[in-house]
């Protein structure tokens, strides 16, 4: 299986920088793991979206899109579970 390339929306990078210090290493490890396995244990597909998924990191969620045809994973949001689904 080929490795995926990870890309961030600029807003997702800002959200990652604002996370509590103890969560950041776990979130980065989860994101790096997506490059090898975009469908890890515990992943959920979001209803109403064609290729958007979420993975849990404690009380935080990482929302991402998988572009299989280009082998790219785009990180969309990284926020606390109470705020991540709000627009």
PDB file of N, CA and C in Angstrom:
ATOM      1  N   UNK A   1       0.844  -1.184   0.000  1.00  0.00           N
ATOM      2  CA  UNK A   1       0.000   0.000   0.000  1.00  0.00           C
ATOM      3  C   UNK A   1       0.889   1.248   0.000  1.00  0.00           C
ATOM      4  N   UNK A   2       0.574   2.179  -0.864  1.00  0.00           N
ATOM      5  CA  UNK A   2       1.369   3.407  -0.977  1.00  0.00           C
ATOM      6  C   UNK A   2       1.079   4.347   0.192  1.00  0.00           C
ATOM      7  N   UNK A   3       2.063   5.157   0.498  1.00  0.00           N
ATOM      8  CA  UNK A   3       1.931   6.123   1.576  1.00  0.00           C
ATOM      9  C   UNK A   3       1.230   7.387   1.059  1.00  0.00           C
ATOM     10  N   UNK A   4       0.357   7.930   1.860  1.00  0.00           N
ATOM     11  CA  UNK A   4      -0.366   9.147   1.504  1.00  0.00           C
ATOM     12  C   UNK A   4       0.436  10.366   1.922  1.00  0.00           C
ATOM     13  N   UNK A   5       0.228  11.450   1.223  1.00  0.00           N
ATOM     14  CA  UNK A   5       0.839  12.727   1.588  1.00  0.00           C
ATOM     15  C   UNK A   5      -0.164  13.494   2.441  1.00  0.00           C
ATOM     16  N   UNK A   6       0.310  14.132   3.504  1.00  0.00           N
ATOM     17  CA  UNK A   6      -0.548  14.896   4.400  1.00  0.00           C
ATOM     18  C   UNK A   6      -0.480  16.370   4.017  1.00  0.00           C
ATOM     19  N   UNK A   7      -1.651  16.984   3.860  1.00  0.00           N
ATOM     20  CA  UNK A   7      -1.742  18.429   3.605  1.00  0.00           C
ATOM     21  C   UNK A   7      -2.696  19.022   4.631  1.00  0.00           C
ATOM     22  N   UNK A   8      -2.414  20.258   5.026  1.00  0.00           N
ATOM     23  CA  UNK A   8      -3.236  20.955   6.016  1.00  0.00           C
ATOM     24  C   UNK A   8      -3.895  22.167   5.377  1.00  0.00           C
ATOM     25  N   UNK A   9      -5.155  22.404   5.743  1.00  0.00           N
ATOM     26  CA  UNK A   9      -5.734  23.716   5.475  1.00  0.00           C
ATOM     27  C   UNK A   9      -5.051  24.680   6.437  1.00  0.00           C
ATOM     28  N   UNK A  10      -4.907  25.923   6.026  1.00  0.00           N
ATOM     29  CA  UNK A  10      -4.220  26.886   6.900  1.00  0.00           C
ATOM     30  C   UNK A  10      -4.967  27.054   8.224  1.00  0.00           C
ATOM     31  N   UNK A  11      -6.285  26.985   8.194  1.00  0.00           N
ATOM     32  CA  UNK A  11      -7.058  27.110   9.432  1.00  0.00           C
ATOM     33  C   UNK A  11      -6.815  25.914  10.354  1.00  0.00           C
ATOM     34  N   UNK A  12      -6.618  24.732   9.792  1.00  0.00           N
ATOM     35  CA  UNK A  12      -6.344  23.548  10.613  1.00  0.00           C
ATOM     36  C   UNK A  12      -4.988  23.660  11.298  1.00  0.00           C
ATOM     37  N   UNK A  13      -3.999  24.239  10.620  1.00  0.00           N
ATOM     38  CA  UNK A  13      -2.691  24.447  11.246  1.00  0.00           C
ATOM     39  C   UNK A  13      -2.799  25.397  12.429  1.00  0.00           C
ATOM     40  N   UNK A  14      -3.580  26.449  12.274  1.00  0.00           N
ATOM     41  CA  UNK A  14      -3.780  27.402  13.365  1.00  0.00           C
ATOM     42  C   UNK A  14      -4.477  26.726  14.546  1.00  0.00           C
ATOM     43  N   UNK A  15      -5.470  25.888  14.247  1.00  0.00           N
ATOM     44  CA  UNK A  15      -6.177  25.169  15.306  1.00  0.00           C
ATOM     45  C   UNK A  15      -5.238  24.218  16.039  1.00  0.00           C
ATOM     46  N   UNK A  16      -4.348  23.554  15.298  1.00  0.00           N
ATOM     47  CA  UNK A  16      -3.383  22.643  15.900  1.00  0.00           C
ATOM     48  C   UNK A  16      -2.445  23.396  16.837  1.00  0.00           C
ATOM     49  N   UNK A  17      -2.029  24.581  16.445  1.00  0.00           N
ATOM     50  CA  UNK A  17      -1.146  25.397  17.285  1.00  0.00           C
ATOM     51  C   UNK A  17      -1.826  25.847  18.573  1.00  0.00           C
ATOM     52  N   UNK A  18      -3.147  25.973  18.568  1.00  0.00           N
ATOM     53  CA  UNK A  18      -3.899  26.449  19.738  1.00  0.00           C
ATOM     54  C   UNK A  18      -4.275  25.336  20.717  1.00  0.00           C
ATOM     55  N   UNK A  19      -4.008  24.096  20.362  1.00  0.00           N
ATOM     56  CA  UNK A  19      -4.350  22.992  21.260  1.00  0.00           C
ATOM     57  C   UNK A  19      -3.490  23.037  22.520  1.00  0.00           C
ATOM     58  N   UNK A  20      -3.988  22.455  23.612  1.00  0.00           N
ATOM     59  CA  UNK A  20      -3.166  22.364  24.823  1.00  0.00           C
ATOM     60  C   UNK A  20      -1.867  21.584  24.539  1.00  0.00           C
ATOM     61  N   UNK A  21      -0.810  21.978  25.205  1.00  0.00           N
ATOM     62  CA  UNK A  21       0.517  21.392  24.945  1.00  0.00           C
ATOM     63  C   UNK A  21       0.555  19.869  25.074  1.00  0.00           C
ATOM     64  N   UNK A  22      -0.184  19.320  26.024  1.00  0.00           N
ATOM     65  CA  UNK A  22      -0.135  17.876  26.226  1.00  0.00           C
ATOM     66  C   UNK A  22      -0.852  17.108  25.124  1.00  0.00           C
ATOM     67  N   UNK A  23      -1.713  17.753  24.359  1.00  0.00           N
ATOM     68  CA  UNK A  23      -2.468  17.093  23.293  1.00  0.00           C
ATOM     69  C   UNK A  23      -1.719  17.124  21.963  1.00  0.00           C
ATOM     70  N   UNK A  24      -0.916  18.146  21.740  1.00  0.00           N
ATOM     71  CA  UNK A  24      -0.253  18.345  20.443  1.00  0.00           C
ATOM     72  C   UNK A  24       0.560  17.123  19.998  1.00  0.00           C
ATOM     73  N   UNK A  25       1.428  16.530  20.832  1.00  0.00           N
ATOM     74  CA  UNK A  25       2.183  15.362  20.360  1.00  0.00           C
ATOM     75  C   UNK A  25       1.291  14.186  19.963  1.00  0.00           C
ATOM     76  N   UNK A  26       0.204  13.977  20.708  1.00  0.00           N
ATOM     77  CA  UNK A  26      -0.717  12.885  20.381  1.00  0.00           C
ATOM     78  C   UNK A  26      -1.437  13.161  19.071  1.00  0.00           C
ATOM     79  N   UNK A  27      -1.825  14.417  18.855  1.00  0.00           N
ATOM     80  CA  UNK A  27      -2.510  14.784  17.604  1.00  0.00           C
ATOM     81  C   UNK A  27      -1.572  14.629  16.415  1.00  0.00           C
ATOM     82  N   UNK A  28      -0.330  15.062  16.557  1.00  0.00           N
ATOM     83  CA  UNK A  28       0.637  14.938  15.461  1.00  0.00           C
ATOM     84  C   UNK A  28       0.921  13.467  15.161  1.00  0.00           C
ATOM     85  N   UNK A  29       1.025  12.643  16.191  1.00  0.00           N
ATOM     86  CA  UNK A  29       1.243  11.211  15.985  1.00  0.00           C
ATOM     87  C   UNK A  29       0.065  10.590  15.235  1.00  0.00           C
ATOM     88  N   UNK A  30      -1.154  10.983  15.591  1.00  0.00           N
ATOM     89  CA  UNK A  30      -2.347  10.463  14.910  1.00  0.00           C
ATOM     90  C   UNK A  30      -2.360  10.898  13.451  1.00  0.00           C
ATOM     91  N   UNK A  31      -1.983  12.142  13.187  1.00  0.00           N
ATOM     92  CA  UNK A  31      -1.960  12.653  11.817  1.00  0.00           C
ATOM     93  C   UNK A  31      -0.894  11.936  10.997  1.00  0.00           C
ATOM     94  N   UNK A  32       0.278  11.736  11.570  1.00  0.00           N
ATOM     95  CA  UNK A  32       1.342  11.001  10.854  1.00  0.00           C
ATOM     96  C   UNK A  32       0.918   9.569  10.557  1.00  0.00           C
ATOM     97  N   UNK A  33       0.193   8.964  11.485  1.00  0.00           N
ATOM     98  CA  UNK A  33      -0.296   7.602  11.269  1.00  0.00           C
ATOM     99  C   UNK A  33      -1.267   7.499  10.109  1.00  0.00           C
ATOM    100  N   UNK A  34      -1.983   8.589   9.829  1.00  0.00           N
ATOM    101  CA  UNK A  34      -2.928   8.579   8.711  1.00  0.00           C
ATOM    102  C   UNK A  34      -2.219   8.411   7.371  1.00  0.00           C
ATOM    103  N   UNK A  35      -0.956   8.825   7.273  1.00  0.00           N
ATOM    104  CA  UNK A  35      -0.213   8.687   6.020  1.00  0.00           C
ATOM    105  C   UNK A  35      -0.045   7.216   5.642  1.00  0.00           C
ATOM    106  N   UNK A  36       0.128   6.361   6.634  1.00  0.00           N
ATOM    107  CA  UNK A  36       0.291   4.934   6.374  1.00  0.00           C
ATOM    108  C   UNK A  36      -1.043   4.193   6.339  1.00  0.00           C
ATOM    109  N   UNK A  37      -1.976   4.614   7.175  1.00  0.00           N
ATOM    110  CA  UNK A  37      -3.275   3.955   7.250  1.00  0.00           C
ATOM    111  C   UNK A  37      -4.359   5.022   7.389  1.00  0.00           C
ATOM    112  N   UNK A  38      -4.988   5.442   6.275  1.00  0.00           N
ATOM    113  CA  UNK A  38      -5.999   6.496   6.353  1.00  0.00           C
ATOM    114  C   UNK A  38      -7.308   6.049   7.005  1.00  0.00           C
ATOM    115  N   UNK A  39      -7.444   4.751   7.281  1.00  0.00           N
ATOM    116  CA  UNK A  39      -8.644   4.225   7.927  1.00  0.00           C
ATOM    117  C   UNK A  39      -8.253   3.485   9.207  1.00  0.00           C
ATOM    118  N   UNK A  40      -7.700   4.200  10.211  1.00  0.00           N
ATOM    119  CA  UNK A  40      -7.267   3.518  11.441  1.00  0.00           C
ATOM    120  C   UNK A  40      -8.456   3.026  12.254  1.00  0.00           C
ATOM    121  N   UNK A  41      -8.166   2.236  13.259  1.00  0.00           N
ATOM    122  CA  UNK A  41      -9.216   1.748  14.150  1.00  0.00           C
ATOM    123  C   UNK A  41      -9.888   2.938  14.820  1.00  0.00           C
ATOM    124  N   UNK A  42     -11.199   2.945  14.845  1.00  0.00           N
ATOM    125  CA  UNK A  42     -11.952   4.010  15.487  1.00  0.00           C
ATOM    126  C   UNK A  42     -12.326   5.158  14.562  1.00  0.00           C
ATOM    127  N   UNK A  43     -11.928   5.093  13.298  1.00  0.00           N
ATOM    128  CA  UNK A  43     -12.266   6.167  12.361  1.00  0.00           C
ATOM    129  C   UNK A  43     -13.763   6.112  12.057  1.00  0.00           C
ATOM    130  N   UNK A  44     -14.360   7.275  11.859  1.00  0.00           N
ATOM    131  CA  UNK A  44     -15.789   7.359  11.513  1.00  0.00           C
ATOM    132  C   UNK A  44     -15.941   8.237  10.284  1.00  0.00           C
ATOM    133  N   UNK A  45     -16.793   7.801   9.356  1.00  0.00           N
ATOM    134  CA  UNK A  45     -17.126   8.618   8.197  1.00  0.00           C
ATOM    135  C   UNK A  45     -18.221   9.580   8.624  1.00  0.00           C
ATOM    136  N   UNK A  46     -18.091  10.840   8.226  1.00  0.00           N
ATOM    137  CA  UNK A  46     -19.098  11.830   8.599  1.00  0.00           C
ATOM    138  C   UNK A  46     -20.294  11.734   7.672  1.00  0.00           C
ATOM    139  N   UNK A  47     -21.478  11.701   8.237  1.00  0.00           N
ATOM    140  CA  UNK A  47     -22.711  11.623   7.466  1.00  0.00           C
ATOM    141  C   UNK A  47     -22.889  12.898   6.648  1.00  0.00           C
ATOM    142  N   UNK A  48     -23.312  12.736   5.414  1.00  0.00           N
ATOM    143  CA  UNK A  48     -23.578  13.884   4.559  1.00  0.00           C
ATOM    144  C   UNK A  48     -22.364  14.356   3.776  1.00  0.00           C
ATOM    145  N   UNK A  49     -21.226  13.698   3.954  1.00  0.00           N
ATOM    146  CA  UNK A  49     -20.010  14.061   3.226  1.00  0.00           C
ATOM    147  C   UNK A  49     -19.517  12.843   2.458  1.00  0.00           C
ATOM    148  N   UNK A  50     -18.983  13.088   1.289  1.00  0.00           N
ATOM    149  CA  UNK A  50     -18.555  11.988   0.436  1.00  0.00           C
ATOM    150  C   UNK A  50     -17.265  11.325   0.911  1.00  0.00           C
ATOM    151  N   UNK A  51     -16.273  12.124   1.312  1.00  0.00           N
ATOM    152  CA  UNK A  51     -14.975  11.551   1.668  1.00  0.00           C
ATOM    153  C   UNK A  51     -14.359  12.177   2.922  1.00  0.00           C
ATOM    154  N   UNK A  52     -15.189  12.620   3.845  1.00  0.00           N
ATOM    155  CA  UNK A  52     -14.704  13.249   5.074  1.00  0.00           C
ATOM    156  C   UNK A  52     -14.839  12.275   6.244  1.00  0.00           C
ATOM    157  N   UNK A  53     -13.765  12.173   7.026  1.00  0.00           N
ATOM    158  CA  UNK A  53     -13.701  11.249   8.152  1.00  0.00           C
ATOM    159  C   UNK A  53     -13.228  11.997   9.397  1.00  0.00           C
ATOM    160  N   UNK A  54     -13.378  11.346  10.553  1.00  0.00           N
ATOM    161  CA  UNK A  54     -12.865  11.920  11.783  1.00  0.00           C
ATOM    162  C   UNK A  54     -12.209  10.825  12.593  1.00  0.00           C
ATOM    163  N   UNK A  55     -11.196  11.249  13.336  1.00  0.00           N
ATOM    164  CA  UNK A  55     -10.510  10.353  14.253  1.00  0.00           C
ATOM    165  C   UNK A  55     -10.409  11.065  15.596  1.00  0.00           C
ATOM    166  N   UNK A  56     -10.526  10.299  16.679  1.00  0.00           N
ATOM    167  CA  UNK A  56     -10.490  10.861  18.028  1.00  0.00           C
ATOM    168  C   UNK A  56      -9.073  10.874  18.575  1.00  0.00           C
ATOM    169  N   UNK A  57      -8.776  11.939  19.307  1.00  0.00           N
ATOM    170  CA  UNK A  57      -7.545  12.030  20.093  1.00  0.00           C
ATOM    171  C   UNK A  57      -7.985  12.596  21.436  1.00  0.00           C
ATOM    172  N   UNK A  58      -8.365  11.708  22.335  1.00  0.00           N
ATOM    173  CA  UNK A  58      -8.900  12.136  23.630  1.00  0.00           C
ATOM    174  C   UNK A  58     -10.200  12.895  23.426  1.00  0.00           C
ATOM    175  N   UNK A  59     -10.274  14.100  23.954  1.00  0.00           N
ATOM    176  CA  UNK A  59     -11.468  14.947  23.828  1.00  0.00           C
ATOM    177  C   UNK A  59     -11.463  15.751  22.524  1.00  0.00           C
ATOM    178  N   UNK A  60     -10.460  15.549  21.700  1.00  0.00           N
ATOM    179  CA  UNK A  60     -10.304  16.325  20.468  1.00  0.00           C
ATOM    180  C   UNK A  60     -10.579  15.458  19.248  1.00  0.00           C
ATOM    181  N   UNK A  61     -10.924  16.119  18.148  1.00  0.00           N
ATOM    182  CA  UNK A  61     -11.233  15.423  16.907  1.00  0.00           C
ATOM    183  C   UNK A  61     -10.394  16.006  15.776  1.00  0.00           C
ATOM    184  N   UNK A  62      -9.976  15.124  14.874  1.00  0.00           N
ATOM    185  CA  UNK A  62      -9.266  15.531  13.670  1.00  0.00           C
ATOM    186  C   UNK A  62     -10.165  15.163  12.499  1.00  0.00           C
ATOM    187  N   UNK A  63     -10.614  16.169  11.766  1.00  0.00           N
ATOM    188  CA  UNK A  63     -11.436  15.938  10.578  1.00  0.00           C
ATOM    189  C   UNK A  63     -10.534  16.004   9.363  1.00  0.00           C
ATOM    190  N   UNK A  64     -10.708  15.045   8.456  1.00  0.00           N
ATOM    191  CA  UNK A  64      -9.860  15.011   7.275  1.00  0.00           C
ATOM    192  C   UNK A  64     -10.600  14.425   6.084  1.00  0.00           C
ATOM    193  N   UNK A  65     -10.120  14.768   4.892  1.00  0.00           N
ATOM    194  CA  UNK A  65     -10.649  14.237   3.640  1.00  0.00           C
ATOM    195  C   UNK A  65      -9.589  13.356   3.001  1.00  0.00           C
ATOM    196  N   UNK A  66     -10.035  12.256   2.415  1.00  0.00           N
ATOM    197  CA  UNK A  66      -9.129  11.342   1.734  1.00  0.00           C
ATOM    198  C   UNK A  66      -9.348  11.492   0.232  1.00  0.00           C
ATOM    199  N   UNK A  67      -8.266  11.780  -0.485  1.00  0.00           N
ATOM    200  CA  UNK A  67      -8.295  11.877  -1.945  1.00  0.00           C
ATOM    201  C   UNK A  67      -7.488  10.688  -2.477  1.00  0.00           C
ATOM    202  N   UNK A  68      -8.169   9.543  -2.660  1.00  0.00           N
ATOM    203  CA  UNK A  68      -7.494   8.311  -3.061  1.00  0.00           C
ATOM    204  C   UNK A  68      -6.826   8.416  -4.429  1.00  0.00           C
ATOM    205  N   UNK A  69      -7.432   9.144  -5.340  1.00  0.00           N
ATOM    206  CA  UNK A  69      -6.879   9.220  -6.693  1.00  0.00           C
ATOM    207  C   UNK A  69      -5.534   9.936  -6.729  1.00  0.00           C
ATOM    208  N   UNK A  70      -5.270  10.822  -5.754  1.00  0.00           N
ATOM    209  CA  UNK A  70      -3.997  11.561  -5.699  1.00  0.00           C
ATOM    210  C   UNK A  70      -3.145  11.159  -4.496  1.00  0.00           C
ATOM    211  N   UNK A  71      -3.612  10.211  -3.691  1.00  0.00           N
ATOM    212  CA  UNK A  71      -2.925   9.759  -2.474  1.00  0.00           C
ATOM    213  C   UNK A  71      -2.610  10.931  -1.541  1.00  0.00           C
ATOM    214  N   UNK A  72      -3.654  11.732  -1.268  1.00  0.00           N
ATOM    215  CA  UNK A  72      -3.523  12.896  -0.390  1.00  0.00           C
ATOM    216  C   UNK A  72      -4.564  12.818   0.716  1.00  0.00           C
ATOM    217  N   UNK A  73      -4.130  13.159   1.924  1.00  0.00           N
ATOM    218  CA  UNK A  73      -5.050  13.335   3.043  1.00  0.00           C
ATOM    219  C   UNK A  73      -4.977  14.802   3.421  1.00  0.00           C
ATOM    220  N   UNK A  74      -6.138  15.475   3.387  1.00  0.00           N
ATOM    221  CA  UNK A  74      -6.191  16.894   3.725  1.00  0.00           C
ATOM    222  C   UNK A  74      -6.821  17.050   5.108  1.00  0.00           C
ATOM    223  N   UNK A  75      -6.060  17.605   6.038  1.00  0.00           N
ATOM    224  CA  UNK A  75      -6.552  17.854   7.394  1.00  0.00           C
ATOM    225  C   UNK A  75      -7.397  19.129   7.341  1.00  0.00           C
ATOM    226  N   UNK A  76      -8.663  19.011   7.753  1.00  0.00           N
ATOM    227  CA  UNK A  76      -9.608  20.119   7.651  1.00  0.00           C
ATOM    228  C   UNK A  76      -9.730  20.877   8.973  1.00  0.00           C
ATOM    229  N   UNK A  77      -9.897  20.141  10.082  1.00  0.00           N
ATOM    230  CA  UNK A  77     -10.088  20.777  11.386  1.00  0.00           C
ATOM    231  C   UNK A  77      -9.441  19.929  12.467  1.00  0.00           C
ATOM    232  N   UNK A  78      -8.983  20.607  13.525  1.00  0.00           N
ATOM    233  CA  UNK A  78      -8.435  19.961  14.712  1.00  0.00           C
ATOM    234  C   UNK A  78      -8.925  20.785  15.893  1.00  0.00           C
ATOM    235  N   UNK A  79     -10.004  20.302  16.551  1.00  0.00           N
ATOM    236  CA  UNK A  79     -10.611  21.072  17.643  1.00  0.00           C
ATOM    237  C   UNK A  79     -11.199  20.142  18.688  1.00  0.00           C
ATOM    238  N   UNK A  80     -11.621  20.758  19.790  1.00  0.00           N
ATOM    239  CA  UNK A  80     -12.318  20.034  20.853  1.00  0.00           C
ATOM    240  C   UNK A  80     -13.638  19.506  20.303  1.00  0.00           C
ATOM    241  N   UNK A  81     -14.081  18.397  20.824  1.00  0.00           N
ATOM    242  CA  UNK A  81     -15.281  17.739  20.292  1.00  0.00           C
ATOM    243  C   UNK A  81     -16.526  18.609  20.361  1.00  0.00           C
ATOM    244  N   UNK A  82     -16.609  19.533  21.310  1.00  0.00           N
ATOM    245  CA  UNK A  82     -17.791  20.385  21.424  1.00  0.00           C
ATOM    246  C   UNK A  82     -17.832  21.457  20.338  1.00  0.00           C
ATOM    247  N   UNK A  83     -16.670  21.764  19.724  1.00  0.00           N
ATOM    248  CA  UNK A  83     -16.597  22.846  18.744  1.00  0.00           C
ATOM    249  C   UNK A  83     -16.316  22.395  17.319  1.00  0.00           C
ATOM    250  N   UNK A  84     -15.853  21.180  17.135  1.00  0.00           N
ATOM    251  CA  UNK A  84     -15.326  20.779  15.829  1.00  0.00           C
ATOM    252  C   UNK A  84     -16.386  20.744  14.726  1.00  0.00           C
ATOM    253  N   UNK A  85     -17.622  20.454  15.047  1.00  0.00           N
ATOM    254  CA  UNK A  85     -18.648  20.313  14.021  1.00  0.00           C
ATOM    255  C   UNK A  85     -19.392  21.612  13.746  1.00  0.00           C
ATOM    256  N   UNK A  86     -19.102  22.661  14.510  1.00  0.00           N
ATOM    257  CA  UNK A  86     -19.766  23.957  14.300  1.00  0.00           C
ATOM    258  C   UNK A  86     -19.125  24.671  13.125  1.00  0.00           C
ATOM    259  N   UNK A  87     -19.926  25.386  12.376  1.00  0.00           N
ATOM    260  CA  UNK A  87     -19.392  26.153  11.222  1.00  0.00           C
ATOM    261  C   UNK A  87     -19.298  27.596  11.550  1.00  0.00           C
TER     262      UNK A  87
END
